[in-house]
Amino acid sequence: MSEPHLQEPQPGFFTLFTFFFGISAVTIGGGYVMVPVIQRAVEKRGWLAEDDFYDLFATAQSVPGPLALNTAVFVGRRLAGIRGFTAALLGILLPPFASIIALTAVLDVIGEWPVVKGFLEGAFAVVPGLTAALAFNMIKKRRWTPIRAVLTVAGALAITLSATWAVPVFFSVVAVSWLAERKAA
């Protein structure tokens, strides 16, 4: 007789705080760099399934605010309620806040050193690749239907062409897509 698969216990405040603090402290490049790191780490620990993470990430993109922070607090909230939300918020915010305070004091002095300048330029060059990898994974994992494909292309085109009306068009695209999916289901 085989033993039933035991699910890992959900993390508490301190575990989530140190988890998000560690990610925030070592990643450079903002949300588009941090989100794939968060995704792989929560999946590896068995805290969230890939589809659940993508649902939270989609929600995080739909609200105003920094992408990494939004994603972290949605993940934290899902894993440990308000304590998880608070742990994720503090864990994500404290490292950059402290870093900005510290770097501001020394960047004027070391900013033009060749090794520092090269490091910063190299870190910046990685961001488009990580962004493309995240987008590719999301597209690949999506359960595509003809209506979903049409709505995605039409929505992307509408948002791209809307210029200064991008925000209201975005929310309109979300509403129309949601209604169309509900009607199709």
N, C-alpha and C. Protein backbone atom coordinates (compact mmCIF):
# COMPACT_ATOMS: atom_id res chain seq x y z
N MET A 1 0.85 -1.17 0.00
CA MET A 1 0.00 0.00 0.00
C MET A 1 0.90 1.23 0.00
N SER A 2 0.61 2.18 -0.88
CA SER A 2 1.44 3.38 -0.96
C SER A 2 0.92 4.44 0.00
N GLU A 3 1.85 5.27 0.46
CA GLU A 3 1.47 6.36 1.35
C GLU A 3 0.84 7.48 0.54
N PRO A 4 -0.15 8.15 1.10
CA PRO A 4 -0.73 9.28 0.37
C PRO A 4 0.30 10.40 0.26
N HIS A 5 0.21 11.16 -0.85
CA HIS A 5 1.12 12.28 -1.06
C HIS A 5 0.79 13.38 -0.05
N LEU A 6 1.77 13.75 0.75
CA LEU A 6 1.57 14.80 1.74
C LEU A 6 1.91 16.15 1.11
N GLN A 7 1.00 17.08 1.22
CA GLN A 7 1.24 18.41 0.70
C GLN A 7 2.07 19.19 1.71
N GLU A 8 3.04 19.95 1.19
CA GLU A 8 3.87 20.76 2.08
C GLU A 8 3.00 21.77 2.80
N PRO A 9 3.29 22.02 4.07
CA PRO A 9 2.51 23.04 4.77
C PRO A 9 2.75 24.41 4.15
N GLN A 10 1.71 25.23 4.16
CA GLN A 10 1.85 26.57 3.60
C GLN A 10 2.76 27.41 4.50
N PRO A 11 3.53 28.30 3.89
CA PRO A 11 4.50 29.07 4.66
C PRO A 11 3.84 30.11 5.56
N GLY A 12 4.53 30.46 6.64
CA GLY A 12 4.07 31.49 7.55
C GLY A 12 4.69 32.84 7.24
N PHE A 13 4.46 33.80 8.12
CA PHE A 13 4.92 35.17 7.92
C PHE A 13 6.43 35.24 7.72
N PHE A 14 7.21 34.69 8.65
CA PHE A 14 8.66 34.82 8.58
C PHE A 14 9.23 34.12 7.33
N THR A 15 8.70 32.96 7.01
CA THR A 15 9.16 32.24 5.82
C THR A 15 8.90 33.06 4.56
N LEU A 16 7.69 33.62 4.45
CA LEU A 16 7.38 34.43 3.27
C LEU A 16 8.18 35.73 3.25
N PHE A 17 8.36 36.35 4.42
CA PHE A 17 9.15 37.58 4.46
C PHE A 17 10.57 37.31 3.96
N THR A 18 11.22 36.28 4.49
CA THR A 18 12.60 35.99 4.08
C THR A 18 12.67 35.54 2.62
N PHE A 19 11.65 34.82 2.16
CA PHE A 19 11.57 34.39 0.77
C PHE A 19 11.57 35.60 -0.16
N PHE A 20 10.63 36.52 0.06
CA PHE A 20 10.51 37.69 -0.81
C PHE A 20 11.66 38.68 -0.59
N PHE A 21 12.14 38.81 0.64
CA PHE A 21 13.28 39.67 0.92
C PHE A 21 14.50 39.18 0.13
N GLY A 22 14.73 37.86 0.16
CA GLY A 22 15.87 37.30 -0.56
C GLY A 22 15.79 37.52 -2.06
N ILE A 23 14.61 37.32 -2.63
CA ILE A 23 14.44 37.55 -4.07
C ILE A 23 14.66 39.03 -4.38
N SER A 24 14.05 39.89 -3.60
CA SER A 24 14.16 41.32 -3.85
C SER A 24 15.58 41.82 -3.66
N ALA A 25 16.30 41.24 -2.73
CA ALA A 25 17.66 41.70 -2.43
C ALA A 25 18.67 41.33 -3.51
N VAL A 26 18.43 40.25 -4.26
CA VAL A 26 19.44 39.79 -5.21
C VAL A 26 19.06 39.98 -6.67
N THR A 27 17.86 40.44 -6.97
CA THR A 27 17.48 40.64 -8.37
C THR A 27 17.60 42.11 -8.73
N ILE A 28 18.08 42.35 -9.92
CA ILE A 28 18.21 43.71 -10.44
C ILE A 28 17.42 43.77 -11.74
N GLY A 29 16.57 44.76 -11.87
CA GLY A 29 15.83 44.92 -13.12
C GLY A 29 14.34 45.07 -12.92
N GLY A 30 13.87 45.04 -11.72
CA GLY A 30 12.46 45.29 -11.46
C GLY A 30 11.59 44.06 -11.65
N GLY A 31 10.30 44.32 -11.85
CA GLY A 31 9.29 43.28 -11.88
C GLY A 31 9.50 42.23 -12.95
N TYR A 32 9.94 42.64 -14.13
CA TYR A 32 10.09 41.67 -15.20
C TYR A 32 11.23 40.71 -14.95
N VAL A 33 12.10 41.03 -14.03
CA VAL A 33 13.16 40.11 -13.63
C VAL A 33 12.70 39.30 -12.43
N MET A 34 12.03 39.95 -11.49
CA MET A 34 11.63 39.29 -10.25
C MET A 34 10.50 38.29 -10.45
N VAL A 35 9.56 38.57 -11.33
CA VAL A 35 8.39 37.70 -11.49
C VAL A 35 8.79 36.28 -11.91
N PRO A 36 9.67 36.09 -12.91
CA PRO A 36 10.06 34.71 -13.24
C PRO A 36 10.77 34.01 -12.09
N VAL A 37 11.54 34.76 -11.31
CA VAL A 37 12.24 34.17 -10.16
C VAL A 37 11.21 33.74 -9.11
N ILE A 38 10.23 34.60 -8.84
CA ILE A 38 9.17 34.25 -7.90
C ILE A 38 8.43 33.01 -8.38
N GLN A 39 8.10 33.00 -9.67
CA GLN A 39 7.34 31.87 -10.24
C GLN A 39 8.07 30.55 -10.03
N ARG A 40 9.33 30.50 -10.45
CA ARG A 40 10.08 29.25 -10.32
C ARG A 40 10.23 28.83 -8.86
N ALA A 41 10.45 29.79 -7.99
CA ALA A 41 10.67 29.47 -6.58
C ALA A 41 9.40 28.95 -5.89
N VAL A 42 8.24 29.55 -6.17
CA VAL A 42 7.02 29.07 -5.51
C VAL A 42 6.60 27.71 -6.06
N GLU A 43 6.85 27.49 -7.35
CA GLU A 43 6.55 26.18 -7.92
C GLU A 43 7.49 25.11 -7.38
N LYS A 44 8.77 25.45 -7.29
CA LYS A 44 9.77 24.49 -6.79
C LYS A 44 9.45 24.06 -5.36
N ARG A 45 8.97 24.99 -4.54
CA ARG A 45 8.64 24.69 -3.15
C ARG A 45 7.28 24.00 -3.02
N GLY A 46 6.54 23.93 -4.10
CA GLY A 46 5.23 23.28 -4.06
C GLY A 46 4.15 24.16 -3.44
N TRP A 47 4.38 25.46 -3.37
CA TRP A 47 3.41 26.36 -2.76
C TRP A 47 2.27 26.68 -3.71
N LEU A 48 2.57 26.76 -5.00
CA LEU A 48 1.55 27.07 -6.01
C LEU A 48 1.83 26.26 -7.27
N ALA A 49 0.77 25.87 -7.95
CA ALA A 49 0.91 25.25 -9.26
C ALA A 49 1.16 26.35 -10.29
N GLU A 50 1.71 25.98 -11.42
CA GLU A 50 2.04 26.96 -12.45
C GLU A 50 0.81 27.73 -12.91
N ASP A 51 -0.29 27.05 -13.15
CA ASP A 51 -1.52 27.72 -13.59
C ASP A 51 -2.03 28.71 -12.55
N ASP A 52 -1.93 28.32 -11.27
CA ASP A 52 -2.36 29.23 -10.20
C ASP A 52 -1.49 30.48 -10.16
N PHE A 53 -0.18 30.28 -10.37
CA PHE A 53 0.70 31.44 -10.38
C PHE A 53 0.34 32.37 -11.54
N TYR A 54 0.11 31.82 -12.72
CA TYR A 54 -0.22 32.67 -13.88
C TYR A 54 -1.53 33.41 -13.66
N ASP A 55 -2.49 32.80 -12.99
CA ASP A 55 -3.74 33.50 -12.67
C ASP A 55 -3.45 34.70 -11.76
N LEU A 56 -2.62 34.49 -10.73
CA LEU A 56 -2.27 35.58 -9.83
C LEU A 56 -1.47 36.66 -10.56
N PHE A 57 -0.57 36.25 -11.43
CA PHE A 57 0.23 37.20 -12.19
C PHE A 57 -0.65 38.04 -13.10
N ALA A 58 -1.63 37.41 -13.75
CA ALA A 58 -2.55 38.17 -14.61
C ALA A 58 -3.32 39.20 -13.79
N THR A 59 -3.75 38.81 -12.61
CA THR A 59 -4.45 39.75 -11.73
C THR A 59 -3.53 40.87 -11.31
N ALA A 60 -2.28 40.54 -10.99
CA ALA A 60 -1.31 41.55 -10.57
C ALA A 60 -1.05 42.57 -11.67
N GLN A 61 -1.10 42.13 -12.92
CA GLN A 61 -0.89 43.06 -14.03
C GLN A 61 -2.08 43.99 -14.23
N SER A 62 -3.23 43.59 -13.77
CA SER A 62 -4.43 44.37 -14.04
C SER A 62 -4.70 45.48 -13.03
N VAL A 63 -3.88 45.57 -12.00
CA VAL A 63 -4.06 46.62 -11.01
C VAL A 63 -2.87 47.58 -11.08
N PRO A 64 -3.09 48.84 -10.75
CA PRO A 64 -1.98 49.79 -10.79
C PRO A 64 -0.92 49.45 -9.75
N GLY A 65 0.30 49.78 -10.07
CA GLY A 65 1.39 49.57 -9.12
C GLY A 65 2.53 48.79 -9.72
N PRO A 66 3.63 48.69 -8.99
CA PRO A 66 4.79 47.95 -9.47
C PRO A 66 4.48 46.46 -9.63
N LEU A 67 4.88 45.91 -10.75
CA LEU A 67 4.54 44.52 -11.09
C LEU A 67 5.06 43.51 -10.08
N ALA A 68 6.31 43.64 -9.65
CA ALA A 68 6.87 42.68 -8.69
C ALA A 68 6.14 42.76 -7.36
N LEU A 69 5.86 43.96 -6.91
CA LEU A 69 5.14 44.14 -5.65
C LEU A 69 3.73 43.56 -5.74
N ASN A 70 3.02 43.88 -6.81
CA ASN A 70 1.67 43.35 -6.98
C ASN A 70 1.68 41.83 -7.01
N THR A 71 2.60 41.26 -7.78
CA THR A 71 2.67 39.80 -7.87
C THR A 71 2.99 39.20 -6.50
N ALA A 72 3.96 39.77 -5.81
CA ALA A 72 4.35 39.24 -4.50
C ALA A 72 3.20 39.29 -3.51
N VAL A 73 2.48 40.41 -3.45
CA VAL A 73 1.41 40.50 -2.46
C VAL A 73 0.24 39.59 -2.81
N PHE A 74 -0.03 39.39 -4.10
CA PHE A 74 -1.09 38.45 -4.46
C PHE A 74 -0.68 37.01 -4.11
N VAL A 75 0.58 36.67 -4.36
CA VAL A 75 1.07 35.33 -3.99
C VAL A 75 1.05 35.18 -2.46
N GLY A 76 1.57 36.18 -1.76
CA GLY A 76 1.59 36.13 -0.30
C GLY A 76 0.19 35.99 0.28
N ARG A 77 -0.74 36.73 -0.27
CA ARG A 77 -2.14 36.68 0.20
C ARG A 77 -2.73 35.29 -0.04
N ARG A 78 -2.46 34.72 -1.19
CA ARG A 78 -2.98 33.39 -1.51
C ARG A 78 -2.41 32.34 -0.56
N LEU A 79 -1.13 32.50 -0.20
CA LEU A 79 -0.47 31.49 0.61
C LEU A 79 -0.75 31.61 2.11
N ALA A 80 -0.90 32.84 2.62
CA ALA A 80 -1.02 32.99 4.08
C ALA A 80 -1.95 34.13 4.49
N GLY A 81 -2.88 34.48 3.64
CA GLY A 81 -3.85 35.51 4.01
C GLY A 81 -3.21 36.87 4.22
N ILE A 82 -3.76 37.64 5.15
CA ILE A 82 -3.26 38.99 5.38
C ILE A 82 -1.83 38.99 5.91
N ARG A 83 -1.45 37.96 6.66
CA ARG A 83 -0.05 37.86 7.12
C ARG A 83 0.88 37.65 5.93
N GLY A 84 0.46 36.84 4.98
CA GLY A 84 1.27 36.62 3.78
C GLY A 84 1.37 37.86 2.93
N PHE A 85 0.26 38.59 2.82
CA PHE A 85 0.24 39.86 2.09
C PHE A 85 1.26 40.82 2.71
N THR A 86 1.21 40.96 4.04
CA THR A 86 2.10 41.87 4.75
C THR A 86 3.56 41.43 4.64
N ALA A 87 3.80 40.14 4.78
CA ALA A 87 5.17 39.61 4.68
C ALA A 87 5.74 39.87 3.29
N ALA A 88 4.94 39.64 2.25
CA ALA A 88 5.39 39.87 0.88
C ALA A 88 5.65 41.35 0.64
N LEU A 89 4.75 42.19 1.11
CA LEU A 89 4.90 43.63 0.95
C LEU A 89 6.22 44.11 1.57
N LEU A 90 6.45 43.75 2.81
CA LEU A 90 7.67 44.18 3.50
C LEU A 90 8.92 43.54 2.88
N GLY A 91 8.82 42.26 2.55
CA GLY A 91 9.96 41.56 1.98
C GLY A 91 10.39 42.12 0.64
N ILE A 92 9.44 42.50 -0.18
CA ILE A 92 9.76 43.07 -1.50
C ILE A 92 10.24 44.51 -1.39
N LEU A 93 9.65 45.29 -0.49
CA LEU A 93 9.97 46.72 -0.42
C LEU A 93 11.25 47.07 0.34
N LEU A 94 11.57 46.35 1.40
CA LEU A 94 12.71 46.75 2.23
C LEU A 94 14.06 46.72 1.51
N PRO A 95 14.41 45.68 0.75
CA PRO A 95 15.73 45.71 0.10
C PRO A 95 15.93 46.88 -0.87
N PRO A 96 14.99 47.16 -1.78
CA PRO A 96 15.25 48.30 -2.67
C PRO A 96 15.25 49.64 -1.93
N PHE A 97 14.40 49.76 -0.93
CA PHE A 97 14.38 51.00 -0.16
C PHE A 97 15.74 51.24 0.50
N ALA A 98 16.25 50.22 1.17
CA ALA A 98 17.56 50.35 1.82
C ALA A 98 18.67 50.55 0.79
N SER A 99 18.58 49.86 -0.34
CA SER A 99 19.59 49.99 -1.38
C SER A 99 19.61 51.39 -1.98
N ILE A 100 18.46 51.95 -2.22
CA ILE A 100 18.40 53.30 -2.78
C ILE A 100 19.02 54.31 -1.82
N ILE A 101 18.70 54.17 -0.56
CA ILE A 101 19.28 55.07 0.44
C ILE A 101 20.81 54.94 0.43
N ALA A 102 21.31 53.71 0.44
CA ALA A 102 22.75 53.48 0.49
C ALA A 102 23.44 53.89 -0.81
N LEU A 103 22.87 53.50 -1.95
CA LEU A 103 23.52 53.79 -3.24
C LEU A 103 23.52 55.27 -3.58
N THR A 104 22.52 55.96 -3.15
CA THR A 104 22.47 57.40 -3.41
C THR A 104 23.69 58.09 -2.83
N ALA A 105 24.13 57.61 -1.69
CA ALA A 105 25.27 58.22 -1.03
C ALA A 105 26.59 57.98 -1.76
N VAL A 106 26.70 56.85 -2.50
CA VAL A 106 27.98 56.52 -3.12
C VAL A 106 27.99 56.55 -4.66
N LEU A 107 26.83 56.60 -5.29
CA LEU A 107 26.78 56.50 -6.75
C LEU A 107 27.46 57.67 -7.45
N ASP A 108 27.40 58.86 -6.89
CA ASP A 108 28.08 59.99 -7.50
C ASP A 108 29.58 59.76 -7.57
N VAL A 109 30.10 59.02 -6.61
CA VAL A 109 31.54 58.77 -6.55
C VAL A 109 31.95 57.63 -7.48
N ILE A 110 31.19 56.52 -7.47
CA ILE A 110 31.64 55.33 -8.21
C ILE A 110 30.90 55.10 -9.53
N GLY A 111 29.91 55.90 -9.84
CA GLY A 111 29.09 55.69 -11.03
C GLY A 111 29.82 55.69 -12.34
N GLU A 112 30.92 56.39 -12.43
CA GLU A 112 31.68 56.45 -13.68
C GLU A 112 32.84 55.47 -13.75
N TRP A 113 33.08 54.71 -12.69
CA TRP A 113 34.13 53.70 -12.73
C TRP A 113 33.77 52.70 -13.82
N PRO A 114 34.70 52.28 -14.64
CA PRO A 114 34.40 51.37 -15.75
C PRO A 114 33.74 50.05 -15.31
N VAL A 115 34.20 49.46 -14.23
CA VAL A 115 33.63 48.19 -13.79
C VAL A 115 32.18 48.38 -13.34
N VAL A 116 31.88 49.46 -12.67
CA VAL A 116 30.51 49.74 -12.21
C VAL A 116 29.61 50.04 -13.42
N LYS A 117 30.09 50.86 -14.31
CA LYS A 117 29.33 51.22 -15.51
C LYS A 117 29.04 49.97 -16.35
N GLY A 118 30.05 49.11 -16.50
CA GLY A 118 29.87 47.86 -17.26
C GLY A 118 28.85 46.93 -16.62
N PHE A 119 28.91 46.82 -15.29
CA PHE A 119 27.95 45.97 -14.58
C PHE A 119 26.53 46.47 -14.79
N LEU A 120 26.32 47.76 -14.65
CA LEU A 120 24.97 48.31 -14.80
C LEU A 120 24.45 48.15 -16.23
N GLU A 121 25.30 48.34 -17.20
CA GLU A 121 24.88 48.15 -18.59
C GLU A 121 24.57 46.68 -18.86
N GLY A 122 25.35 45.76 -18.30
CA GLY A 122 25.09 44.32 -18.48
C GLY A 122 23.79 43.89 -17.83
N ALA A 123 23.53 44.40 -16.64
CA ALA A 123 22.28 44.06 -15.95
C ALA A 123 21.09 44.55 -16.74
N PHE A 124 21.21 45.73 -17.31
CA PHE A 124 20.11 46.29 -18.11
C PHE A 124 19.86 45.44 -19.36
N ALA A 125 20.91 44.88 -19.94
CA ALA A 125 20.76 44.10 -21.17
C ALA A 125 20.01 42.79 -20.97
N VAL A 126 19.97 42.27 -19.76
CA VAL A 126 19.31 40.99 -19.48
C VAL A 126 17.78 41.12 -19.43
N VAL A 127 17.27 42.27 -19.10
CA VAL A 127 15.83 42.47 -18.89
C VAL A 127 14.98 42.06 -20.10
N PRO A 128 15.30 42.47 -21.34
CA PRO A 128 14.45 42.05 -22.47
C PRO A 128 14.37 40.54 -22.64
N GLY A 129 15.46 39.83 -22.40
CA GLY A 129 15.44 38.37 -22.52
C GLY A 129 14.54 37.72 -21.48
N LEU A 130 14.63 38.18 -20.23
CA LEU A 130 13.76 37.63 -19.19
C LEU A 130 12.29 37.95 -19.45
N THR A 131 12.03 39.14 -19.96
CA THR A 131 10.66 39.53 -20.30
C THR A 131 10.11 38.64 -21.42
N ALA A 132 10.91 38.42 -22.44
CA ALA A 132 10.49 37.56 -23.55
C ALA A 132 10.24 36.13 -23.08
N ALA A 133 11.08 35.62 -22.20
CA ALA A 133 10.90 34.26 -21.68
C ALA A 133 9.60 34.13 -20.89
N LEU A 134 9.30 35.13 -20.07
CA LEU A 134 8.05 35.11 -19.31
C LEU A 134 6.84 35.15 -20.25
N ALA A 135 6.87 36.04 -21.24
CA ALA A 135 5.77 36.14 -22.20
C ALA A 135 5.60 34.83 -22.97
N PHE A 136 6.70 34.25 -23.41
CA PHE A 136 6.65 32.98 -24.15
C PHE A 136 6.02 31.88 -23.31
N ASN A 137 6.44 31.77 -22.04
CA ASN A 137 5.87 30.75 -21.16
C ASN A 137 4.37 30.96 -20.94
N MET A 138 3.97 32.20 -20.76
CA MET A 138 2.54 32.48 -20.56
C MET A 138 1.73 32.11 -21.80
N ILE A 139 2.25 32.46 -22.97
CA ILE A 139 1.54 32.15 -24.22
C ILE A 139 1.48 30.64 -24.43
N LYS A 140 2.59 29.97 -24.18
CA LYS A 140 2.67 28.52 -24.37
C LYS A 140 1.71 27.77 -23.43
N LYS A 141 1.57 28.22 -22.20
CA LYS A 141 0.76 27.53 -21.20
C LYS A 141 -0.73 27.86 -21.28
N ARG A 142 -1.08 28.89 -22.01
CA ARG A 142 -2.48 29.33 -22.10
C ARG A 142 -3.30 28.28 -22.84
N ARG A 143 -4.50 28.04 -22.35
CA ARG A 143 -5.42 27.14 -23.06
C ARG A 143 -6.12 27.96 -24.13
N TRP A 144 -5.64 27.85 -25.37
CA TRP A 144 -6.13 28.69 -26.45
C TRP A 144 -7.38 28.11 -27.08
N THR A 145 -8.34 28.96 -27.32
CA THR A 145 -9.54 28.65 -28.09
C THR A 145 -9.59 29.68 -29.20
N PRO A 146 -10.37 29.43 -30.24
CA PRO A 146 -10.44 30.44 -31.31
C PRO A 146 -10.89 31.82 -30.80
N ILE A 147 -11.90 31.86 -29.93
CA ILE A 147 -12.38 33.15 -29.43
C ILE A 147 -11.31 33.83 -28.59
N ARG A 148 -10.59 33.07 -27.81
CA ARG A 148 -9.53 33.64 -26.96
C ARG A 148 -8.40 34.21 -27.83
N ALA A 149 -8.05 33.51 -28.90
CA ALA A 149 -7.00 34.00 -29.80
C ALA A 149 -7.43 35.29 -30.48
N VAL A 150 -8.66 35.32 -30.97
CA VAL A 150 -9.16 36.53 -31.63
C VAL A 150 -9.22 37.70 -30.65
N LEU A 151 -9.73 37.44 -29.45
CA LEU A 151 -9.82 38.51 -28.45
C LEU A 151 -8.44 39.02 -28.04
N THR A 152 -7.47 38.12 -27.93
CA THR A 152 -6.12 38.52 -27.56
C THR A 152 -5.49 39.41 -28.62
N VAL A 153 -5.58 38.99 -29.88
CA VAL A 153 -5.00 39.78 -30.97
C VAL A 153 -5.72 41.12 -31.11
N ALA A 154 -7.05 41.08 -31.09
CA ALA A 154 -7.83 42.33 -31.21
C ALA A 154 -7.56 43.27 -30.04
N GLY A 155 -7.49 42.72 -28.84
CA GLY A 155 -7.22 43.54 -27.66
C GLY A 155 -5.83 44.16 -27.71
N ALA A 156 -4.83 43.37 -28.09
CA ALA A 156 -3.46 43.90 -28.18
C ALA A 156 -3.38 45.00 -29.23
N LEU A 157 -4.04 44.79 -30.35
CA LEU A 157 -4.06 45.79 -31.41
C LEU A 157 -4.77 47.06 -30.95
N ALA A 158 -5.92 46.90 -30.30
CA ALA A 158 -6.67 48.07 -29.82
C ALA A 158 -5.86 48.87 -28.81
N ILE A 159 -5.21 48.18 -27.88
CA ILE A 159 -4.40 48.88 -26.86
C ILE A 159 -3.21 49.58 -27.52
N THR A 160 -2.58 48.91 -28.46
CA THR A 160 -1.41 49.47 -29.14
C THR A 160 -1.78 50.73 -29.92
N LEU A 161 -2.92 50.71 -30.59
CA LEU A 161 -3.33 51.85 -31.43
C LEU A 161 -4.03 52.96 -30.66
N SER A 162 -4.36 52.74 -29.42
CA SER A 162 -5.18 53.70 -28.68
C SER A 162 -4.42 54.90 -28.13
N ALA A 163 -3.11 54.87 -28.14
CA ALA A 163 -2.26 55.98 -27.69
C ALA A 163 -2.68 56.50 -26.32
N THR A 164 -3.16 57.73 -26.23
CA THR A 164 -3.48 58.32 -24.94
C THR A 164 -4.71 57.71 -24.29
N TRP A 165 -5.46 56.93 -25.03
CA TRP A 165 -6.65 56.27 -24.49
C TRP A 165 -6.34 54.84 -24.06
N ALA A 166 -5.07 54.49 -23.91
CA ALA A 166 -4.68 53.11 -23.61
C ALA A 166 -5.30 52.57 -22.33
N VAL A 167 -5.38 53.37 -21.28
CA VAL A 167 -5.91 52.87 -20.01
C VAL A 167 -7.40 52.53 -20.13
N PRO A 168 -8.26 53.45 -20.61
CA PRO A 168 -9.66 53.05 -20.73
C PRO A 168 -9.87 51.92 -21.75
N VAL A 169 -9.08 51.92 -22.81
CA VAL A 169 -9.20 50.83 -23.79
C VAL A 169 -8.79 49.51 -23.16
N PHE A 170 -7.73 49.52 -22.35
CA PHE A 170 -7.30 48.31 -21.66
C PHE A 170 -8.44 47.74 -20.82
N PHE A 171 -9.06 48.59 -20.00
CA PHE A 171 -10.15 48.11 -19.14
C PHE A 171 -11.35 47.65 -19.96
N SER A 172 -11.59 48.30 -21.09
CA SER A 172 -12.66 47.86 -21.99
C SER A 172 -12.34 46.49 -22.59
N VAL A 173 -11.10 46.30 -22.99
CA VAL A 173 -10.68 45.01 -23.54
C VAL A 173 -10.84 43.91 -22.49
N VAL A 174 -10.44 44.19 -21.26
CA VAL A 174 -10.58 43.21 -20.19
C VAL A 174 -12.05 42.86 -19.98
N ALA A 175 -12.91 43.89 -19.94
CA ALA A 175 -14.34 43.65 -19.72
C ALA A 175 -14.96 42.86 -20.87
N VAL A 176 -14.66 43.25 -22.10
CA VAL A 176 -15.22 42.54 -23.26
C VAL A 176 -14.71 41.10 -23.30
N SER A 177 -13.44 40.91 -23.03
CA SER A 177 -12.88 39.55 -23.03
C SER A 177 -13.52 38.69 -21.96
N TRP A 178 -13.70 39.26 -20.78
CA TRP A 178 -14.33 38.52 -19.68
C TRP A 178 -15.76 38.14 -20.05
N LEU A 179 -16.51 39.08 -20.59
CA LEU A 179 -17.90 38.79 -20.98
C LEU A 179 -17.96 37.74 -22.10
N ALA A 180 -17.07 37.86 -23.07
CA ALA A 180 -17.05 36.90 -24.18
C ALA A 180 -16.69 35.49 -23.68
N GLU A 181 -15.73 35.41 -22.78
CA GLU A 181 -15.34 34.09 -22.23
C GLU A 181 -16.48 33.49 -21.42
N ARG A 182 -17.17 34.33 -20.65
CA ARG A 182 -18.30 33.83 -19.84
C ARG A 182 -19.43 33.34 -20.74
N LYS A 183 -19.67 34.07 -21.81
CA LYS A 183 -20.74 33.68 -22.75
C LYS A 183 -20.38 32.39 -23.49
N ALA A 184 -19.09 32.25 -23.83
CA ALA A 184 -18.63 31.06 -24.56
C ALA A 184 -18.62 29.81 -23.67
N ALA A 185 -18.49 30.01 -22.36
CA ALA A 185 -18.37 28.86 -21.45
C ALA A 185 -19.67 28.19 -21.18
